[in-house]
Protein backbone atom coordinates (compact mmCIF):
# COMPACT_ATOMS: atom_id res chain seq x y z
CA UNK A 1 -54.92 35.72 -19.40
CA UNK A 2 -55.46 32.59 -17.38
CA UNK A 3 -55.17 30.47 -20.52
CA UNK A 4 -51.87 32.09 -21.48
CA UNK A 5 -50.44 31.54 -18.02
CA UNK A 6 -51.54 27.93 -18.11
CA UNK A 7 -49.87 27.40 -21.46
CA UNK A 8 -46.68 29.06 -20.26
CA UNK A 9 -46.72 26.93 -17.15
CA UNK A 10 -47.26 23.86 -19.28
CA UNK A 11 -44.42 24.78 -21.63
CA UNK A 12 -42.08 25.52 -18.70
CA UNK A 13 -43.02 22.29 -17.00
CA UNK A 14 -42.48 20.32 -20.20
CA UNK A 15 -39.07 21.94 -20.70
CA UNK A 16 -38.10 21.13 -17.14
CA UNK A 17 -39.28 17.57 -17.61
CA UNK A 18 -37.16 17.22 -20.73
CA UNK A 19 -34.11 18.69 -19.00
CA UNK A 20 -34.21 16.37 -16.01
CA UNK A 21 -33.68 13.10 -17.94
CA UNK A 22 -30.83 14.81 -19.80
CA UNK A 23 -28.98 15.53 -16.53
CA UNK A 24 -29.64 12.01 -15.34
CA UNK A 25 -28.32 10.53 -18.59
CA UNK A 26 -25.20 12.69 -18.39
CA UNK A 27 -24.56 11.53 -14.86
CA UNK A 28 -25.24 7.93 -15.81
CA UNK A 29 -22.57 8.13 -18.53
CA UNK A 30 -19.87 8.25 -15.85
CA UNK A 31 -18.35 4.77 -15.63
CA UNK A 32 -17.97 3.41 -12.11
CA UNK A 33 -14.64 1.80 -11.21
CA UNK A 34 -13.68 -0.01 -7.99
CA UNK A 35 -10.58 0.68 -5.90
CA UNK A 36 -9.73 -1.94 -3.23
CA UNK A 37 -7.44 -1.49 -0.21
CA UNK A 38 -6.87 -3.50 2.98
CA UNK A 39 -6.37 -0.65 5.46
CA UNK A 40 -9.10 1.49 7.12
CA UNK A 41 -10.14 4.95 5.87
CA UNK A 42 -7.94 6.89 8.32
CA UNK A 43 -4.76 5.13 7.17
CA UNK A 44 -2.34 7.33 5.12
CA UNK A 45 -2.57 4.84 2.28
CA UNK A 46 -6.35 5.20 2.27
CA UNK A 47 -6.08 8.98 2.38
CA UNK A 48 -3.77 8.91 -0.63
CA UNK A 49 -5.95 6.39 -2.46
CA UNK A 50 -9.08 8.48 -1.86
CA UNK A 51 -7.21 11.52 -3.16
CA UNK A 52 -6.39 9.53 -6.30
CA UNK A 53 -10.04 8.50 -6.73
CA UNK A 54 -11.31 12.07 -6.43
CA UNK A 55 -8.62 13.56 -8.67
CA UNK A 56 -9.11 10.97 -11.38
CA UNK A 57 -12.79 11.78 -11.50
CA UNK A 58 -11.93 15.45 -12.02
CA UNK A 59 -9.07 14.95 -14.48
CA UNK A 60 -11.12 12.55 -16.59
CA UNK A 61 -13.78 15.26 -16.99
CA UNK A 62 -16.21 13.20 -14.87
CA UNK A 63 -16.06 10.27 -17.29
CA UNK A 64 -15.24 8.04 -14.31
CA UNK A 65 -16.53 7.66 -10.79
CA UNK A 66 -14.00 5.69 -8.71
CA UNK A 67 -15.58 4.06 -5.65
CA UNK A 68 -13.14 3.40 -2.83
CA UNK A 69 -13.42 0.20 -0.77
CA UNK A 70 -11.04 0.28 2.25
CA UNK A 71 -10.77 -2.16 5.19
CA UNK A 72 -10.46 -5.33 3.06
CA UNK A 73 -14.09 -5.01 1.93
CA UNK A 74 -13.18 -6.66 -1.39
CA UNK A 75 -10.75 -9.18 0.09
CA UNK A 76 -7.14 -9.45 1.22
CA UNK A 77 -4.21 -8.42 -0.95
CA UNK A 78 -3.58 -11.80 -2.58
CA UNK A 79 -7.27 -12.16 -3.49
CA UNK A 80 -7.32 -8.60 -4.83
CA UNK A 81 -4.30 -9.24 -7.10
CA UNK A 82 -6.23 -12.08 -8.72
CA UNK A 83 -9.29 -9.86 -9.13
CA UNK A 84 -7.18 -7.12 -10.71
CA UNK A 85 -5.75 -9.59 -13.17
CA UNK A 86 -9.24 -10.76 -14.04
CA UNK A 87 -10.60 -7.23 -14.32
CA UNK A 88 -13.29 -7.54 -11.64
CA UNK A 89 -11.47 -4.89 -9.54
CA UNK A 90 -10.06 -1.86 -11.33
CA UNK A 91 -7.53 -0.27 -8.94
CA UNK A 92 -5.64 -1.28 -5.83
CA UNK A 93 -2.81 -0.16 -3.57
CA UNK A 94 -0.64 -2.73 -1.82
CA UNK A 95 2.86 -3.50 -0.59
CA UNK A 96 4.92 -3.82 -3.74
CA UNK A 97 6.76 -6.91 -2.50
CA UNK A 98 3.45 -8.82 -2.37
CA UNK A 99 3.78 -9.05 -6.15
CA UNK A 100 6.74 -11.42 -5.79
CA UNK A 101 4.38 -14.31 -6.51
CA UNK A 102 3.45 -12.61 -9.80
CA UNK A 103 6.89 -11.31 -10.81
CA UNK A 104 9.72 -12.68 -8.65
CA UNK A 105 11.93 -9.58 -8.94
CA UNK A 106 9.47 -7.77 -6.66
CA UNK A 107 10.98 -9.73 -3.77
CA UNK A 108 13.92 -7.31 -4.08
CA UNK A 109 11.68 -4.59 -2.64
CA UNK A 110 11.39 -6.48 0.67
CA UNK A 111 15.11 -7.04 1.20
CA UNK A 112 15.89 -6.26 4.85
CA UNK A 113 17.77 -3.17 5.97
CA UNK A 114 17.85 -1.73 2.45
CA UNK A 115 17.05 1.97 2.99
CA UNK A 116 18.10 4.52 5.56
CA UNK A 117 15.20 6.95 5.00
CA UNK A 118 11.95 7.39 3.15
CA UNK A 119 13.41 10.23 1.11
CA UNK A 120 16.16 7.90 -0.09
CA UNK A 121 13.53 5.38 -1.16
CA UNK A 122 11.57 8.10 -3.01
CA UNK A 123 14.56 8.78 -5.28
CA UNK A 124 14.89 5.09 -6.10
CA UNK A 125 11.23 4.34 -6.81
CA UNK A 126 10.53 7.57 -8.71
CA UNK A 127 13.56 7.05 -10.94
CA UNK A 128 14.58 4.65 -13.74
CA UNK A 129 14.59 1.64 -11.43
CA UNK A 130 10.95 2.22 -10.44
CA UNK A 131 9.98 2.54 -14.11
CA UNK A 132 11.89 -0.63 -15.00
CA UNK A 133 10.37 -2.85 -12.34
CA UNK A 134 6.84 -1.66 -13.20
CA UNK A 135 7.43 -2.86 -16.77
CA UNK A 136 7.32 -6.44 -15.46
CA UNK A 137 3.60 -6.12 -14.72
CA UNK A 138 1.74 -5.73 -18.05
CA UNK A 139 2.45 -9.36 -19.10
CA UNK A 140 0.79 -10.32 -15.79
CA UNK A 141 -2.35 -8.29 -16.63
CA UNK A 142 -1.40 -5.48 -14.23
CA UNK A 143 -0.31 -1.89 -14.81
CA UNK A 144 1.75 -0.02 -12.22
CA UNK A 145 1.12 3.71 -11.97
CA UNK A 146 3.65 4.56 -9.25
CA UNK A 147 4.63 4.21 -5.62
CA UNK A 148 3.18 5.53 -2.36
CA UNK A 149 4.77 5.08 1.05
CA UNK A 150 3.79 2.60 3.73
CA UNK A 151 7.04 3.07 5.62
CA UNK A 152 9.49 1.17 7.79
CA UNK A 153 8.24 -2.00 9.45
CA UNK A 154 8.63 -2.50 13.22
CA UNK A 155 8.12 -5.43 15.56
CA UNK A 156 5.41 -5.56 18.23
CA UNK A 157 4.54 -8.31 20.71
CA UNK A 158 2.58 -9.01 23.89
CA UNK A 159 5.24 -10.99 25.81
CA UNK A 160 8.38 -8.92 26.40
CA UNK A 161 10.42 -5.89 25.45
CA UNK A 162 12.64 -6.48 22.45
CA UNK A 163 15.82 -4.42 22.85
CA UNK A 164 18.31 -6.88 21.35
CA UNK A 165 18.28 -9.71 18.85
CA UNK A 166 18.13 -12.42 21.52
CA UNK A 167 14.80 -11.02 22.75
CA UNK A 168 13.14 -12.10 19.49
CA UNK A 169 13.92 -15.78 20.12
CA UNK A 170 10.81 -17.96 20.41
CA UNK A 171 8.24 -15.25 19.71
CA UNK A 172 5.39 -16.36 17.44
CA UNK A 173 5.28 -13.50 14.94
CA UNK A 174 2.65 -13.05 12.25
CA UNK A 175 4.32 -12.19 8.94
CA UNK A 176 3.27 -11.40 5.40
CA UNK A 177 2.47 -14.46 3.27
CA UNK A 178 5.76 -14.28 1.39
CA UNK A 179 8.76 -16.65 1.73
CA UNK A 180 11.21 -13.79 2.33
CA UNK A 181 9.36 -12.60 5.45
CA UNK A 182 9.04 -16.13 6.78
CA UNK A 183 12.74 -16.85 6.30
CA UNK A 184 13.81 -13.50 7.74
CA UNK A 185 11.95 -13.88 11.03
CA UNK A 186 12.87 -17.52 11.42
CA UNK A 187 16.49 -16.50 10.90
CA UNK A 188 16.17 -13.79 13.56
CA UNK A 189 14.97 -16.46 16.02
CA UNK A 190 11.19 -16.03 15.89
CA UNK A 191 8.60 -18.60 14.87
CA UNK A 192 7.17 -16.94 11.77
CA UNK A 193 3.43 -17.45 11.17
CA UNK A 194 2.22 -16.34 7.71
CA UNK A 195 -1.33 -15.02 7.86
CA UNK A 196 -3.70 -12.82 5.80
CA UNK A 197 -3.84 -9.31 7.20
CA UNK A 198 -7.61 -9.26 7.98
CA UNK A 199 -7.02 -12.06 10.52
CA UNK A 200 -4.19 -10.36 12.42
CA UNK A 201 -6.08 -8.39 15.09
CA UNK A 202 -8.09 -11.41 16.24
CA UNK A 203 -4.99 -13.63 16.24
CA UNK A 204 -3.17 -11.13 18.47
CA UNK A 205 -6.17 -10.65 20.74
CA UNK A 206 -6.64 -14.40 21.21
CA UNK A 207 -2.87 -14.97 21.62
CA UNK A 208 -2.72 -17.28 18.62
CA UNK A 209 0.44 -15.31 17.85
CA UNK A 210 2.57 -13.19 20.18
CA UNK A 211 3.35 -10.39 17.80
CA UNK A 212 3.44 -8.99 14.30
CA UNK A 213 5.50 -6.58 12.21
CA UNK A 214 4.16 -3.57 10.33
CA UNK A 215 4.71 0.17 9.87
CA UNK A 216 3.45 2.61 12.51
CA UNK A 217 0.53 3.72 10.35
CA UNK A 218 -0.78 0.18 9.91
CA UNK A 219 -0.30 -0.67 13.59
CA UNK A 220 -2.22 2.35 14.84
CA UNK A 221 -4.91 2.62 12.15
CA UNK A 222 -5.86 -1.01 12.74
CA UNK A 223 -5.60 -0.67 16.55
CA UNK A 224 -3.01 -3.43 16.80
CA UNK A 225 -1.27 -1.52 19.58
CA UNK A 226 -4.35 -2.11 21.76
CA UNK A 227 -3.51 -5.83 21.89
CA UNK A 228 0.31 -5.45 22.01
CA UNK A 229 2.30 -4.40 25.08
CA UNK A 230 5.64 -3.81 23.40
CA UNK A 231 6.88 -2.18 20.20
CA UNK A 232 10.46 -1.96 18.95
CA UNK A 233 11.69 0.34 16.20
CA UNK A 234 13.48 -2.41 14.30
CA UNK A 235 13.12 -0.70 10.87
CA UNK A 236 13.85 -4.08 9.33
CA UNK A 237 12.10 -3.49 5.99
CA UNK A 238 10.94 -0.37 4.14
CA UNK A 239 7.65 -0.82 2.28
CA UNK A 240 6.75 1.16 -0.82
CA UNK A 241 3.17 0.58 -1.88
CA UNK A 242 2.37 0.29 -5.55
CA UNK A 243 -0.79 1.74 -7.03
CA UNK A 244 -2.01 -0.52 -9.81
CA UNK A 245 -4.79 -0.69 -12.36
CA UNK A 246 -6.10 -3.83 -14.00
CA UNK A 247 -4.68 -4.16 -17.52
CA UNK A 248 -8.18 -4.98 -18.72
CA UNK A 249 -9.37 -1.64 -17.35
CA UNK A 250 -6.29 0.18 -18.66
CA UNK A 251 -6.77 -1.18 -22.17
CA UNK A 252 -10.33 0.16 -22.14
CA UNK A 253 -9.07 3.70 -21.45
CA UNK A 254 -8.60 6.24 -24.21
CA UNK A 255 -5.23 7.98 -24.49
CA UNK A 256 -6.80 10.95 -22.69
CA UNK A 257 -7.95 8.68 -19.85
CA UNK A 258 -4.48 7.14 -19.52
CA UNK A 259 -2.91 10.59 -19.37
CA UNK A 260 -5.48 11.61 -16.74
CA UNK A 261 -4.51 8.56 -14.64
CA UNK A 262 -0.80 9.33 -14.86
CA UNK A 263 -1.36 13.03 -14.09
CA UNK A 264 -3.50 12.00 -11.12
CA UNK A 265 -0.72 9.76 -9.80
CA UNK A 266 1.86 12.53 -10.17
CA UNK A 267 -0.29 14.80 -7.97
CA UNK A 268 -1.45 12.21 -5.44
CA UNK A 269 1.99 10.70 -4.78
CA UNK A 270 3.69 13.65 -2.98
CA UNK A 271 0.45 14.37 -1.12
CA UNK A 272 0.29 10.79 0.20
CA UNK A 273 3.95 10.68 1.25
CA UNK A 274 3.72 13.98 3.10
CA UNK A 275 0.55 12.78 4.81
CA UNK A 276 2.20 9.49 5.77
CA UNK A 277 5.24 11.15 7.35
CA UNK A 278 3.20 13.73 9.22
CA UNK A 279 0.75 11.19 10.61
CA UNK A 280 3.47 8.75 11.68
CA UNK A 281 4.90 11.22 14.18
CA UNK A 282 1.45 11.98 15.57
CA UNK A 283 0.52 8.32 15.91
CA UNK A 284 3.74 7.32 17.64
CA UNK A 285 2.70 9.65 20.46
CA UNK A 286 -0.70 7.92 20.61
CA UNK A 287 0.85 4.44 20.61
CA UNK A 288 2.97 5.42 23.62
CA UNK A 289 -0.24 5.61 25.67
CA UNK A 290 -0.89 1.87 25.29
CA UNK A 291 2.46 0.34 24.39
CA UNK A 292 6.05 0.51 25.62
CA UNK A 293 8.23 1.66 22.71
CA UNK A 294 11.90 0.68 22.46
CA UNK A 295 14.28 2.32 20.02
CA UNK A 296 16.83 -0.26 18.89
CA UNK A 297 20.41 0.96 19.34
CA UNK A 298 22.70 1.49 16.35
CA UNK A 299 24.90 -1.42 17.44
CA UNK A 300 21.90 -3.76 17.75
CA UNK A 301 20.51 -2.56 14.43
CA UNK A 302 23.82 -3.52 12.81
CA UNK A 303 23.69 -6.95 14.46
CA UNK A 304 20.20 -7.53 13.07
CA UNK A 305 21.30 -6.43 9.61
CA UNK A 306 24.28 -8.76 9.70
CA UNK A 307 22.10 -11.67 10.87
CA UNK A 308 19.71 -10.99 7.99
CA UNK A 309 22.45 -10.98 5.35
CA UNK A 310 21.80 -14.59 4.15
CA UNK A 311 18.24 -13.57 3.24
CA UNK A 312 19.51 -10.53 1.33
CA UNK A 313 22.07 -12.66 -0.51
CA UNK A 314 19.58 -15.40 -1.37
CA UNK A 315 16.85 -13.19 -2.76
CA UNK A 316 19.31 -10.94 -4.59
CA UNK A 317 20.62 -14.02 -6.41
CA UNK A 318 17.12 -15.34 -7.11
CA UNK A 319 16.19 -12.13 -8.89
CA UNK A 320 17.33 -11.01 -12.32
CA UNK A 321 20.98 -9.95 -11.76
CA UNK A 322 20.52 -6.88 -13.96
CA UNK A 323 17.46 -5.79 -11.94
CA UNK A 324 19.24 -6.35 -8.63
CA UNK A 325 22.30 -4.39 -9.81
CA UNK A 326 20.13 -1.53 -11.02
CA UNK A 327 18.40 -1.33 -7.65
CA UNK A 328 21.62 -1.37 -5.62
CA UNK A 329 23.18 1.21 -7.96
CA UNK A 330 20.08 3.41 -7.59
CA UNK A 331 20.30 3.18 -3.79
CA UNK A 332 23.99 4.07 -3.87
CA UNK A 333 23.25 7.07 -6.08
CA UNK A 334 20.35 8.20 -3.87
CA UNK A 335 22.62 7.97 -0.86
CA UNK A 336 25.03 10.36 -2.55
């Protein structure tokens, strides 16, 4: 009896031993991909990106494990674009207009005072225009999957309240490293200082610059309001963020994997936008505890828009006329 039990135990143990490597091998078959993003985990962009990572793992039947790297762990946006093109990073999410250095028509997406609401922008970027502008990316070794929301950009500073255009004069304002942003803020009277985003908090804290401009979510998630006394709802630019995959990675996907990625984007996109809009309202209330908020009047908003018109005209003309016309027509249609 003892011998039989021993044999059974041995057989069971051998079977268990054989099964364990099998599970490990199955798990090891999942390919690990890297998703880079500049904002911290609590940012709405990060929440949407993490949702994408998790969903893609599920929809690809666990063939992929997408590791998420927020907070500029893999570099700033410009560095990440290069890594995407080279295939050393697989996915990223960033302001779409940052791709102007790769495909110049993306500068259209940063034109000032373009949209009146996020819902209006949704219709434009989810429609034929969004599809058309994403088609510029494959020749640059990038694939666009769709657009999330970052939101309207606002001006903050540590020197004075900005309630009218003249209040901007002389402020040293950190801007995105794109010519359009530099020209816009110089035109509005500021001294524009282009700077990588990971350096912004320290530059504000040490008074290297007086202020910066970003959406509410980026300001609060990165604690920029803690080193800024004033914030003005200038709404000067609306930022869609584009979720991209390296073309090298994309070309390695099967048709089923590509469909899984597109299905994942279709599900993650509305989730991210809803999250972004809900969180913005909550975070404005938090920002009020540290920072004086000024809502720019309609008349002053119109003055700013008129002052910015030369930038709009210049970059509209620099872009492909057909692309510019399609965007303006799409905005007009979205506006009803």
